[in-house]
Amino acid sequence: MSAAGAPRPHGHHHAPTTIPGEPWSTGVERGPDGAVSVGGVDVRALAAAHGTPAYVLDEHDLRIRARAYRRAFTEAFAQVGAEVDVYYAGKAFLSVAVARWVYAEGLRVDTASGGELAVALRAGVPGADIGLHGNNKSDAEHAAALDAGVGRIIVDSLVEIERLADTVAARGGDPAPVMVRVTTGVHAGGHEYISTAHEDQKFGLSLAPSTGTADTVADADDDSPAMTGLLAVLARPELRLLGIHSHIGSQILDPSGFAVATRAVLALRARLARRTGVLVDEVDLGGGYGIAYLPGEVALDPDRIAKEIAASVEQSAADLGTDLPRFSIEPGRAIVGPAGLTLYTVGTVKPVRVDDGRTRLYVSVDGGMSDNIRPALYGAHYHAEVVGRLSSAEPVLARVVGKHCESGDVVVHEVRLPGDVRAGDLLAVAATGAYGRSMASNYNLLTRPPVVAVRDGASRVLVRRETVDDLLALDVGDA
């Protein structure tokens, strides 16, 4: 299991990092007085200017990572004679500024809802460079995608294929560009809840024939749901079949699953060509590339994964006797996750005797599960450090918890913090750029933190902090 997956065995605790280095962004440094800066901005100045909790996003680091994925995959796939597009998976975190940054670095934008689509469009990303995902898109979301002229709509079910085709027929106009999402049976990455390619889940259409598994060798009579979906698209003139989409999981640190899934998708493409004469032009291999959340962990290297997937693509196409399609991938967490940290202020500090006789220091901060639900949702692990000062105190076993009325409101399960950690200290949690703000809530009616960008010694707000007035404005009362 990955660092963001199931909880580790009892008693695991990682040593502090000596900032800089993973899991922190490249712009994080600790000065001689112990205070940390991000992108040249002291965290004490950030807290004074923007308050806490706050999501802090290192713009330069994010751009570097976007650029690295585009370069690595473009070069590796060029070596085997294929072209590749890199889509930023907006579900990890999307704002107008972030959409503009990744688009400026040569990435397209993948969206998973009408709201994400609206943000990408507000950022000025052309519809042709946007994709729309979703296992249960509404008619309004289909219409918005068609109005925007999105480059591709990834259909997720036989029902959606018919609904989308009917919508296009009623509206008139050009056929909608469609990719069919398939499940390959390959399960890679972290916790079951964030796995997206095994059979028993809500996404996509299975490659497994009705009387076998996805590994079964199918022939021209392939009756898998995936083949049925492809044929259904071809049968509707209102739809234009671009290709096949797959996604095998999330927080993947072992690249071997990509090779297996790639072979399965390319084999389906070849079977469709034998059956219909249509060799689809595009194949999307998804994302899920893992990052480092804890000291000592190593992120999946873009160059390594690009070369391995390209080699698999070349070999599979040769074995099948088919030309290579155009490919696309969808990194999200790998680009924005390491670029972000969450800055908190410490409140109550409480030593608690635990069952094995040890003492654990419970360090409460001014946020919690409303700004990072992942530890409570599926046991994700993070690293934290006191960042506003230097301490020579001996590190002690600690658990960072939030201020919500839930015993499961844990921010960091186990970490060693200075024994003199106290109220008023600034504490930062690393690698929270992905799925922190995007999954944030108003639980206990806490207001959601701002997203603050830092670069070249300056900070600016990308998404403002919510206020109590915002909460009250939504509550229409009983009048």
Protein backbone atom coordinates (compact mmCIF):
# COMPACT_ATOMS: atom_id res chain seq x y z
CA MET A 1 0.00 0.00 0.00
CA SER A 2 1.13 3.55 -0.62
CA ALA A 3 1.92 6.24 1.89
CA ALA A 4 -1.51 7.69 1.27
CA GLY A 5 -3.26 4.36 1.56
CA ALA A 6 -3.95 2.11 4.53
CA PRO A 7 -2.55 3.04 7.95
CA ARG A 8 0.91 1.78 8.82
CA PRO A 9 1.56 -0.74 11.58
CA HIS A 10 1.19 0.61 15.11
CA GLY A 11 4.26 2.36 16.41
CA HIS A 12 5.57 3.68 13.08
CA HIS A 13 6.83 7.23 13.25
CA HIS A 14 9.16 8.98 10.87
CA ALA A 15 12.09 11.19 11.73
CA PRO A 16 11.96 14.92 11.05
CA THR A 17 13.28 16.17 7.74
CA THR A 18 16.06 18.66 7.50
CA ILE A 19 14.26 21.07 5.21
CA PRO A 20 14.73 21.41 2.24
CA GLY A 21 13.91 18.12 0.53
CA GLU A 22 10.97 15.79 0.02
CA PRO A 23 8.20 15.85 0.99
CA TRP A 24 8.50 19.66 0.90
CA SER A 25 8.36 21.72 -2.28
CA THR A 26 11.61 22.86 -3.85
CA GLY A 27 11.00 26.40 -2.63
CA VAL A 28 10.92 25.51 1.08
CA GLU A 29 13.96 26.49 3.15
CA ARG A 30 14.74 26.81 6.85
CA GLY A 31 16.75 29.83 7.91
CA PRO A 32 19.38 30.16 10.64
CA ASP A 33 16.73 31.24 13.17
CA GLY A 34 14.68 28.12 12.41
CA ALA A 35 11.94 29.94 10.55
CA VAL A 36 10.88 28.40 7.25
CA SER A 37 10.31 30.32 4.05
CA VAL A 38 8.38 29.25 0.95
CA GLY A 39 9.20 30.80 -2.39
CA GLY A 40 11.25 33.40 -0.54
CA VAL A 41 8.42 34.35 1.85
CA ASP A 42 8.81 33.76 5.60
CA VAL A 43 5.95 31.68 7.01
CA ARG A 44 5.61 34.18 9.86
CA ALA A 45 4.89 36.88 7.30
CA LEU A 46 2.41 34.59 5.55
CA ALA A 47 0.57 33.92 8.81
CA ALA A 48 0.52 37.62 9.66
CA ALA A 49 -0.76 38.64 6.23
CA HIS A 50 -3.20 35.81 5.49
CA GLY A 51 -3.98 34.12 8.80
CA THR A 52 -4.09 30.40 9.53
CA PRO A 53 -4.98 27.85 8.52
CA ALA A 54 -3.88 28.61 4.98
CA TYR A 55 -2.97 26.54 1.96
CA VAL A 56 0.35 27.80 0.59
CA LEU A 57 1.15 26.98 -3.03
CA ASP A 58 4.67 27.26 -4.43
CA GLU A 59 4.03 28.49 -7.98
CA HIS A 60 7.57 27.92 -9.24
CA ASP A 61 7.59 24.34 -7.94
CA LEU A 62 4.23 23.58 -9.55
CA ARG A 63 5.37 24.93 -12.90
CA ILE A 64 8.59 22.91 -12.75
CA ARG A 65 6.63 19.71 -12.17
CA ALA A 66 4.17 20.44 -14.97
CA ARG A 67 7.06 21.13 -17.31
CA ALA A 68 8.85 17.95 -16.24
CA TYR A 69 5.90 15.70 -17.07
CA ARG A 70 5.34 17.35 -20.44
CA ARG A 71 9.02 17.10 -21.38
CA ALA A 72 9.53 13.54 -20.11
CA PHE A 73 6.53 12.06 -21.90
CA THR A 74 7.00 14.07 -25.10
CA GLU A 75 10.61 12.92 -25.41
CA ALA A 76 10.02 9.30 -24.41
CA PHE A 77 7.05 8.82 -26.75
CA ALA A 78 8.87 10.58 -29.62
CA GLN A 79 11.54 7.88 -29.33
CA VAL A 80 8.94 5.24 -30.24
CA GLY A 81 7.25 7.35 -32.89
CA ALA A 82 4.18 8.45 -30.96
CA GLU A 83 2.75 11.78 -29.87
CA VAL A 84 1.38 12.45 -26.40
CA ASP A 85 -0.75 15.12 -24.74
CA VAL A 86 -0.48 15.84 -21.03
CA TYR A 87 -3.71 16.83 -19.27
CA TYR A 88 -3.62 18.31 -15.79
CA ALA A 89 -6.18 16.43 -13.66
CA GLY A 90 -8.08 19.36 -12.21
CA LYS A 91 -9.79 17.27 -9.53
CA ALA A 92 -6.55 17.42 -7.51
CA PHE A 93 -6.93 21.19 -7.20
CA LEU A 94 -8.22 23.68 -9.70
CA SER A 95 -8.40 27.44 -9.57
CA VAL A 96 -8.29 30.05 -12.30
CA ALA A 97 -4.62 30.76 -11.61
CA VAL A 98 -3.58 27.10 -11.51
CA ALA A 99 -5.41 26.41 -14.78
CA ARG A 100 -3.54 29.31 -16.35
CA TRP A 101 -0.18 28.12 -14.99
CA VAL A 102 -0.47 24.57 -16.29
CA TYR A 103 -1.83 25.71 -19.63
CA ALA A 104 1.09 28.12 -19.98
CA GLU A 105 3.42 25.16 -19.36
CA GLY A 106 1.92 23.25 -22.28
CA LEU A 107 -0.63 21.09 -20.48
CA ARG A 108 -4.29 20.69 -21.30
CA VAL A 109 -6.89 20.51 -18.53
CA ASP A 110 -9.02 17.56 -17.49
CA THR A 111 -12.21 18.38 -15.58
CA ALA A 112 -14.59 16.17 -13.61
CA SER A 113 -17.64 18.40 -13.19
CA GLY A 114 -19.43 21.41 -14.57
CA GLY A 115 -17.81 23.53 -11.87
CA GLU A 116 -14.30 22.48 -12.84
CA LEU A 117 -15.17 23.06 -16.49
CA ALA A 118 -16.37 26.58 -15.65
CA VAL A 119 -13.11 27.38 -13.82
CA ALA A 120 -10.97 26.14 -16.72
CA LEU A 121 -13.00 28.24 -19.15
CA ARG A 122 -12.80 31.29 -16.87
CA ALA A 123 -9.02 30.83 -16.92
CA GLY A 124 -9.04 31.18 -20.68
CA VAL A 125 -8.25 27.55 -21.52
CA PRO A 126 -9.79 26.88 -24.95
CA GLY A 127 -12.58 24.33 -24.96
CA ALA A 128 -10.66 22.20 -27.44
CA ASP A 129 -7.94 21.71 -24.81
CA ILE A 130 -10.34 20.59 -22.08
CA GLY A 131 -11.70 17.13 -21.33
CA LEU A 132 -14.80 16.34 -19.26
CA HIS A 133 -14.94 13.25 -17.05
CA GLY A 134 -17.63 11.95 -14.72
CA ASN A 135 -19.54 8.76 -14.07
CA ASN A 136 -22.89 10.58 -13.68
CA LYS A 137 -22.78 13.75 -15.74
CA SER A 138 -25.98 15.77 -15.77
CA ASP A 139 -27.70 16.98 -18.91
CA ALA A 140 -26.58 20.48 -17.94
CA GLU A 141 -22.95 19.35 -17.78
CA HIS A 142 -23.25 17.71 -21.21
CA ALA A 143 -24.74 20.91 -22.58
CA ALA A 144 -22.02 23.06 -21.01
CA ALA A 145 -19.34 20.85 -22.53
CA LEU A 146 -20.96 21.01 -25.96
CA ASP A 147 -21.39 24.79 -25.69
CA ALA A 148 -17.71 25.13 -24.81
CA GLY A 149 -16.59 22.89 -27.66
CA VAL A 150 -14.57 20.64 -25.35
CA GLY A 151 -12.01 18.46 -27.03
CA ARG A 152 -13.37 15.28 -25.54
CA ILE A 153 -16.16 13.95 -23.37
CA ILE A 154 -15.19 10.74 -21.59
CA VAL A 155 -18.34 8.61 -21.48
CA ASP A 156 -18.60 6.21 -18.57
CA SER A 157 -21.63 4.01 -19.27
CA LEU A 158 -23.93 2.71 -21.98
CA VAL A 159 -26.70 4.91 -20.59
CA GLU A 160 -24.54 8.01 -20.92
CA ILE A 161 -23.69 7.19 -24.52
CA GLU A 162 -27.38 7.21 -25.46
CA ARG A 163 -28.17 10.30 -23.37
CA LEU A 164 -25.32 12.30 -24.88
CA ALA A 165 -26.21 11.25 -28.40
CA ASP A 166 -29.84 12.24 -27.82
CA THR A 167 -28.75 15.62 -26.49
CA VAL A 168 -26.61 16.25 -29.55
CA ALA A 169 -29.46 15.16 -31.84
CA ALA A 170 -31.84 17.57 -30.14
CA ARG A 171 -29.38 20.45 -30.36
CA GLY A 172 -28.05 19.81 -33.82
CA GLY A 173 -24.49 20.66 -34.76
CA ASP A 174 -21.33 18.64 -35.10
CA PRO A 175 -20.92 15.20 -33.55
CA ALA A 176 -19.59 15.25 -29.97
CA PRO A 177 -15.99 13.99 -29.59
CA VAL A 178 -16.09 10.97 -27.29
CA MET A 179 -13.69 8.65 -25.51
CA VAL A 180 -14.99 5.50 -23.84
CA ARG A 181 -13.66 4.87 -20.34
CA VAL A 182 -12.79 1.23 -19.74
CA THR A 183 -11.69 -0.70 -16.67
CA THR A 184 -8.77 -3.00 -17.31
CA GLY A 185 -8.94 -5.02 -14.09
CA VAL A 186 -5.54 -3.62 -13.07
CA HIS A 187 -5.64 -2.30 -9.50
CA ALA A 188 -2.71 -0.10 -8.56
CA GLY A 189 -1.93 2.46 -5.90
CA GLY A 190 -3.35 3.22 -2.49
CA HIS A 191 -6.53 2.68 -0.52
CA GLU A 192 -9.49 0.83 -2.04
CA TYR A 193 -11.53 4.03 -2.08
CA ILE A 194 -9.09 5.74 -4.45
CA SER A 195 -8.59 2.75 -6.75
CA THR A 196 -10.34 3.13 -10.06
CA ALA A 197 -9.68 0.10 -12.28
CA HIS A 198 -10.77 -3.07 -10.47
CA GLU A 199 -14.08 -4.55 -11.56
CA ASP A 200 -16.27 -3.92 -8.51
CA GLN A 201 -16.53 -0.13 -8.64
CA LYS A 202 -18.44 2.67 -10.30
CA PHE A 203 -16.12 3.82 -13.08
CA GLY A 204 -16.02 2.77 -16.70
CA LEU A 205 -16.91 -0.27 -18.76
CA SER A 206 -15.13 -3.54 -18.11
CA LEU A 207 -12.84 -5.25 -20.61
CA ALA A 208 -13.87 -8.58 -19.14
CA PRO A 209 -16.11 -10.66 -21.44
CA SER A 210 -19.39 -11.74 -19.87
CA THR A 211 -18.03 -15.27 -19.40
CA GLY A 212 -14.48 -14.45 -18.32
CA THR A 213 -12.08 -11.88 -16.96
CA ALA A 214 -10.22 -8.98 -18.49
CA ASP A 215 -7.24 -11.29 -18.95
CA THR A 216 -9.26 -13.63 -21.15
CA VAL A 217 -8.13 -13.59 -24.77
CA ALA A 218 -11.09 -12.21 -26.70
CA ASP A 219 -11.83 -12.60 -30.37
CA ALA A 220 -14.01 -10.86 -32.94
CA ASP A 221 -17.09 -11.83 -30.94
CA ASP A 222 -15.87 -9.94 -27.87
CA ASP A 223 -18.99 -9.15 -25.83
CA SER A 224 -17.36 -7.20 -23.03
CA PRO A 225 -19.11 -4.06 -21.77
CA ALA A 226 -16.17 -2.06 -23.11
CA MET A 227 -16.61 -3.43 -26.64
CA THR A 228 -20.35 -2.93 -26.38
CA GLY A 229 -19.76 0.72 -25.45
CA LEU A 230 -17.40 1.32 -28.36
CA LEU A 231 -19.87 -0.22 -30.79
CA ALA A 232 -22.68 1.89 -29.30
CA VAL A 233 -20.71 5.08 -29.96
CA LEU A 234 -19.97 4.03 -33.53
CA ALA A 235 -23.68 3.33 -34.05
CA ARG A 236 -24.67 6.91 -33.23
CA PRO A 237 -23.83 9.50 -35.92
CA GLU A 238 -24.19 12.22 -33.27
CA LEU A 239 -20.97 10.96 -31.66
CA ARG A 240 -17.41 10.85 -32.96
CA LEU A 241 -15.28 8.12 -31.41
CA LEU A 242 -11.88 9.59 -30.57
CA GLY A 243 -10.56 6.65 -28.63
CA ILE A 244 -10.30 4.67 -25.41
CA HIS A 245 -9.63 5.97 -21.91
CA SER A 246 -8.32 4.05 -18.90
CA HIS A 247 -7.20 4.90 -15.38
CA ILE A 248 -5.78 2.28 -13.03
CA GLY A 249 -5.60 3.96 -9.64
CA SER A 250 -4.12 6.71 -7.54
CA GLN A 251 -0.87 7.37 -5.64
CA ILE A 252 0.90 4.70 -7.72
CA LEU A 253 4.58 4.19 -6.88
CA ASP A 254 5.12 0.93 -8.81
CA PRO A 255 4.87 1.57 -12.58
CA SER A 256 4.40 -2.07 -13.59
CA GLY A 257 0.61 -1.77 -13.57
CA PHE A 258 0.71 0.79 -16.36
CA ALA A 259 2.36 -1.70 -18.71
CA VAL A 260 -0.30 -4.35 -18.05
CA ALA A 261 -3.14 -1.86 -18.52
CA THR A 262 -1.57 -0.45 -21.68
CA ARG A 263 -1.42 -3.88 -23.30
CA ALA A 264 -5.05 -4.53 -22.42
CA VAL A 265 -6.27 -1.22 -23.87
CA LEU A 266 -4.25 -1.55 -27.08
CA ALA A 267 -5.53 -5.12 -27.50
CA LEU A 268 -9.11 -3.85 -27.20
CA ARG A 269 -8.32 -1.21 -29.83
CA ALA A 270 -7.00 -3.91 -32.16
CA ARG A 271 -10.06 -6.11 -31.61
CA LEU A 272 -12.36 -3.19 -32.43
CA ALA A 273 -10.42 -2.61 -35.66
CA ARG A 274 -10.71 -6.25 -36.67
CA ARG A 275 -14.42 -6.19 -35.98
CA THR A 276 -15.36 -2.83 -37.50
CA GLY A 277 -12.41 -1.59 -39.52
CA VAL A 278 -12.10 1.41 -37.13
CA LEU A 279 -8.67 1.81 -35.52
CA VAL A 280 -9.25 4.60 -33.04
CA ASP A 281 -6.85 7.52 -33.10
CA GLU A 282 -6.31 8.13 -29.37
CA VAL A 283 -5.65 6.22 -26.15
CA ASP A 284 -5.56 7.84 -22.73
CA LEU A 285 -3.54 6.02 -20.06
CA GLY A 286 -4.78 8.10 -17.12
CA GLY A 287 -2.73 9.34 -14.20
CA GLY A 288 -2.26 8.38 -10.57
CA TYR A 289 1.50 8.99 -10.38
CA GLY A 290 2.57 8.84 -6.75
CA ILE A 291 4.36 11.47 -4.69
CA ALA A 292 6.34 11.50 -1.45
CA TYR A 293 4.26 12.29 1.61
CA LEU A 294 6.79 11.30 4.28
CA PRO A 295 10.55 11.72 4.77
CA GLY A 296 12.42 8.92 3.04
CA GLU A 297 9.72 8.25 0.47
CA VAL A 298 10.58 8.69 -3.19
CA ALA A 299 8.10 10.04 -5.73
CA LEU A 300 7.55 8.32 -9.05
CA ASP A 301 10.07 9.86 -11.43
CA PRO A 302 8.53 11.32 -14.63
CA ASP A 303 11.45 10.26 -16.82
CA ARG A 304 11.38 6.71 -15.52
CA ILE A 305 7.65 6.21 -15.88
CA ALA A 306 7.57 7.88 -19.31
CA LYS A 307 10.30 5.61 -20.67
CA GLU A 308 8.74 2.47 -19.22
CA ILE A 309 5.28 3.25 -20.55
CA ALA A 310 6.68 4.21 -23.97
CA ALA A 311 8.59 0.93 -24.18
CA SER A 312 5.43 -0.98 -23.26
CA VAL A 313 3.42 0.92 -25.85
CA GLU A 314 5.95 0.16 -28.57
CA GLN A 315 6.15 -3.54 -27.73
CA SER A 316 2.39 -3.99 -27.43
CA ALA A 317 1.69 -2.29 -30.76
CA ALA A 318 4.35 -4.41 -32.45
CA ASP A 319 2.86 -7.60 -30.99
CA LEU A 320 -0.60 -6.58 -32.17
CA GLY A 321 0.56 -5.43 -35.59
CA THR A 322 -1.12 -2.03 -35.26
CA ASP A 323 0.10 1.51 -35.72
CA LEU A 324 0.54 3.59 -32.61
CA PRO A 325 -2.29 5.97 -31.70
CA ARG A 326 -1.87 9.40 -30.16
CA PHE A 327 -1.61 9.05 -26.38
CA SER A 328 -2.55 11.20 -23.42
CA ILE A 329 -1.89 11.07 -19.68
CA GLU A 330 -3.45 12.89 -16.72
CA PRO A 331 -1.14 13.79 -13.82
CA GLY A 332 -2.75 15.89 -11.10
CA ARG A 333 -1.45 15.10 -7.62
CA ALA A 334 2.07 14.66 -9.03
CA ILE A 335 2.07 18.29 -10.15
CA VAL A 336 0.20 20.16 -7.43
CA GLY A 337 0.58 17.88 -4.39
CA PRO A 338 4.24 18.51 -3.53
CA ALA A 339 3.87 22.21 -4.40
CA GLY A 340 1.51 22.82 -1.50
CA LEU A 341 1.69 22.92 2.28
CA THR A 342 -0.87 23.83 4.92
CA LEU A 343 0.12 26.36 7.56
CA TYR A 344 -1.53 26.09 10.97
CA THR A 345 -1.26 27.73 14.39
CA VAL A 346 -0.90 25.42 17.39
CA GLY A 347 -3.46 25.73 20.18
CA THR A 348 -3.93 23.13 22.92
CA VAL A 349 -1.01 20.77 23.58
CA LYS A 350 -1.91 17.75 25.72
CA PRO A 351 0.21 14.72 26.76
CA VAL A 352 -1.83 11.49 26.68
CA ARG A 353 -0.81 8.05 27.97
CA VAL A 354 -1.51 5.44 25.29
CA ASP A 355 -2.21 1.73 25.68
CA ASP A 356 1.37 0.51 25.35
CA GLY A 357 2.58 2.77 28.12
CA ARG A 358 4.04 5.46 25.92
CA THR A 359 3.07 9.09 26.12
CA ARG A 360 1.85 10.77 22.97
CA LEU A 361 1.62 14.52 22.70
CA TYR A 362 -1.67 15.63 21.18
CA VAL A 363 -1.02 18.87 19.31
CA SER A 364 -4.23 20.64 18.31
CA VAL A 365 -4.23 23.09 15.42
CA ASP A 366 -6.74 25.65 14.17
CA GLY A 367 -7.95 23.52 11.27
CA GLY A 368 -8.44 19.80 10.81
CA MET A 369 -10.59 17.42 8.83
CA SER A 370 -12.48 20.28 7.19
CA ASP A 371 -9.31 21.36 5.37
CA ASN A 372 -7.79 17.87 4.93
CA ILE A 373 -10.27 15.00 5.07
CA ARG A 374 -7.84 12.42 3.67
CA PRO A 375 -6.40 11.11 6.98
CA ALA A 376 -9.93 10.53 8.32
CA LEU A 377 -11.32 9.25 5.02
CA TYR A 378 -8.72 6.64 4.18
CA GLY A 379 -5.89 6.80 6.65
CA ALA A 380 -3.59 9.01 4.60
CA HIS A 381 -0.27 9.87 6.27
CA TYR A 382 1.45 13.25 6.27
CA HIS A 383 4.52 14.91 7.74
CA ALA A 384 4.52 18.04 9.91
CA GLU A 385 7.12 20.34 11.41
CA VAL A 386 7.25 23.40 13.62
CA VAL A 387 8.26 26.09 11.13
CA GLY A 388 8.23 29.44 12.91
CA ARG A 389 11.26 29.04 15.17
CA LEU A 390 14.30 26.98 16.10
CA SER A 391 14.06 24.42 18.90
CA SER A 392 16.77 22.42 20.60
CA ALA A 393 14.25 20.37 22.58
CA GLU A 394 14.33 16.59 22.22
CA PRO A 395 11.73 15.40 19.68
CA VAL A 396 8.77 13.53 21.17
CA LEU A 397 6.07 11.31 19.71
CA ALA A 398 3.15 13.50 18.69
CA ARG A 399 -0.20 13.37 16.92
CA VAL A 400 -1.47 16.49 15.18
CA VAL A 401 -5.24 16.83 15.51
CA GLY A 402 -7.84 19.36 14.48
CA LYS A 403 -10.49 21.34 16.32
CA HIS A 404 -13.56 19.46 15.10
CA CYS A 405 -15.99 17.57 17.29
CA GLU A 406 -14.74 14.18 16.07
CA SER A 407 -12.24 11.78 17.65
CA GLY A 408 -11.18 10.86 14.11
CA ASP A 409 -10.19 14.45 13.38
CA VAL A 410 -6.52 13.64 12.81
CA VAL A 411 -4.21 15.72 10.62
CA VAL A 412 -0.98 13.73 11.13
CA HIS A 413 -1.21 10.31 12.80
CA GLU A 414 2.32 10.08 14.13
CA VAL A 415 5.26 12.43 13.89
CA ARG A 416 8.14 13.55 16.11
CA LEU A 417 7.89 17.20 17.08
CA PRO A 418 10.03 19.26 19.46
CA GLY A 419 9.13 18.52 23.07
CA ASP A 420 8.62 22.23 23.70
CA VAL A 421 5.95 22.67 21.01
CA ARG A 422 3.47 25.15 22.41
CA ALA A 423 0.44 27.29 21.73
CA GLY A 424 1.12 29.95 19.15
CA ASP A 425 3.72 27.91 17.24
CA LEU A 426 3.39 27.78 13.48
CA LEU A 427 3.17 24.24 12.18
CA ALA A 428 3.25 23.19 8.52
CA VAL A 429 2.04 19.96 6.94
CA ALA A 430 3.84 19.00 3.73
CA ALA A 431 2.47 17.86 0.37
CA THR A 432 -1.11 19.07 0.81
CA GLY A 433 -1.47 20.76 -2.57
CA ALA A 434 -3.67 17.96 -3.90
CA TYR A 435 -7.10 17.16 -2.47
CA GLY A 436 -6.83 19.50 0.52
CA ARG A 437 -8.74 22.51 -0.74
CA SER A 438 -10.61 20.52 -3.40
CA MET A 439 -12.12 18.19 -0.75
CA ALA A 440 -12.52 20.83 1.95
CA SER A 441 -15.82 21.29 3.78
CA ASN A 442 -17.56 23.56 6.26
CA TYR A 443 -17.91 20.85 8.90
CA ASN A 444 -18.78 22.42 12.27
CA LEU A 445 -19.31 25.55 10.13
CA LEU A 446 -15.62 26.29 9.93
CA THR A 447 -14.74 28.56 7.04
CA ARG A 448 -12.48 27.15 4.37
CA PRO A 449 -8.90 28.47 4.31
CA PRO A 450 -7.48 30.64 1.55
CA VAL A 451 -5.10 29.43 -1.13
CA VAL A 452 -2.06 31.68 -1.16
CA ALA A 453 0.52 31.57 -3.95
CA VAL A 454 4.16 32.37 -3.26
CA ARG A 455 6.87 33.18 -5.76
CA ASP A 456 10.03 35.30 -5.85
CA GLY A 457 9.59 36.65 -2.35
CA ALA A 458 5.98 37.74 -2.72
CA SER A 459 2.59 36.23 -1.88
CA ARG A 460 -0.87 36.71 -3.33
CA VAL A 461 -4.28 35.21 -2.67
CA LEU A 462 -5.61 32.87 -5.36
CA VAL A 463 -8.75 31.77 -3.52
CA ARG A 464 -9.84 34.00 -0.63
CA ARG A 465 -10.66 32.76 2.84
CA GLU A 466 -14.33 32.14 3.44
CA THR A 467 -16.00 34.27 6.09
CA VAL A 468 -18.87 33.74 8.47
CA ASP A 469 -20.81 36.18 6.29
CA ASP A 470 -20.32 33.75 3.39
CA LEU A 471 -21.85 30.96 5.47
CA LEU A 472 -24.77 33.09 6.59
CA ALA A 473 -25.41 34.31 3.05
CA LEU A 474 -26.21 30.74 2.01
CA ASP A 475 -28.61 30.20 4.91
CA VAL A 476 -31.95 31.64 3.77
CA GLY A 477 -33.64 30.93 7.09
CA ASP A 478 -37.30 29.99 7.34
CA ALA A 479 -38.86 33.12 5.88
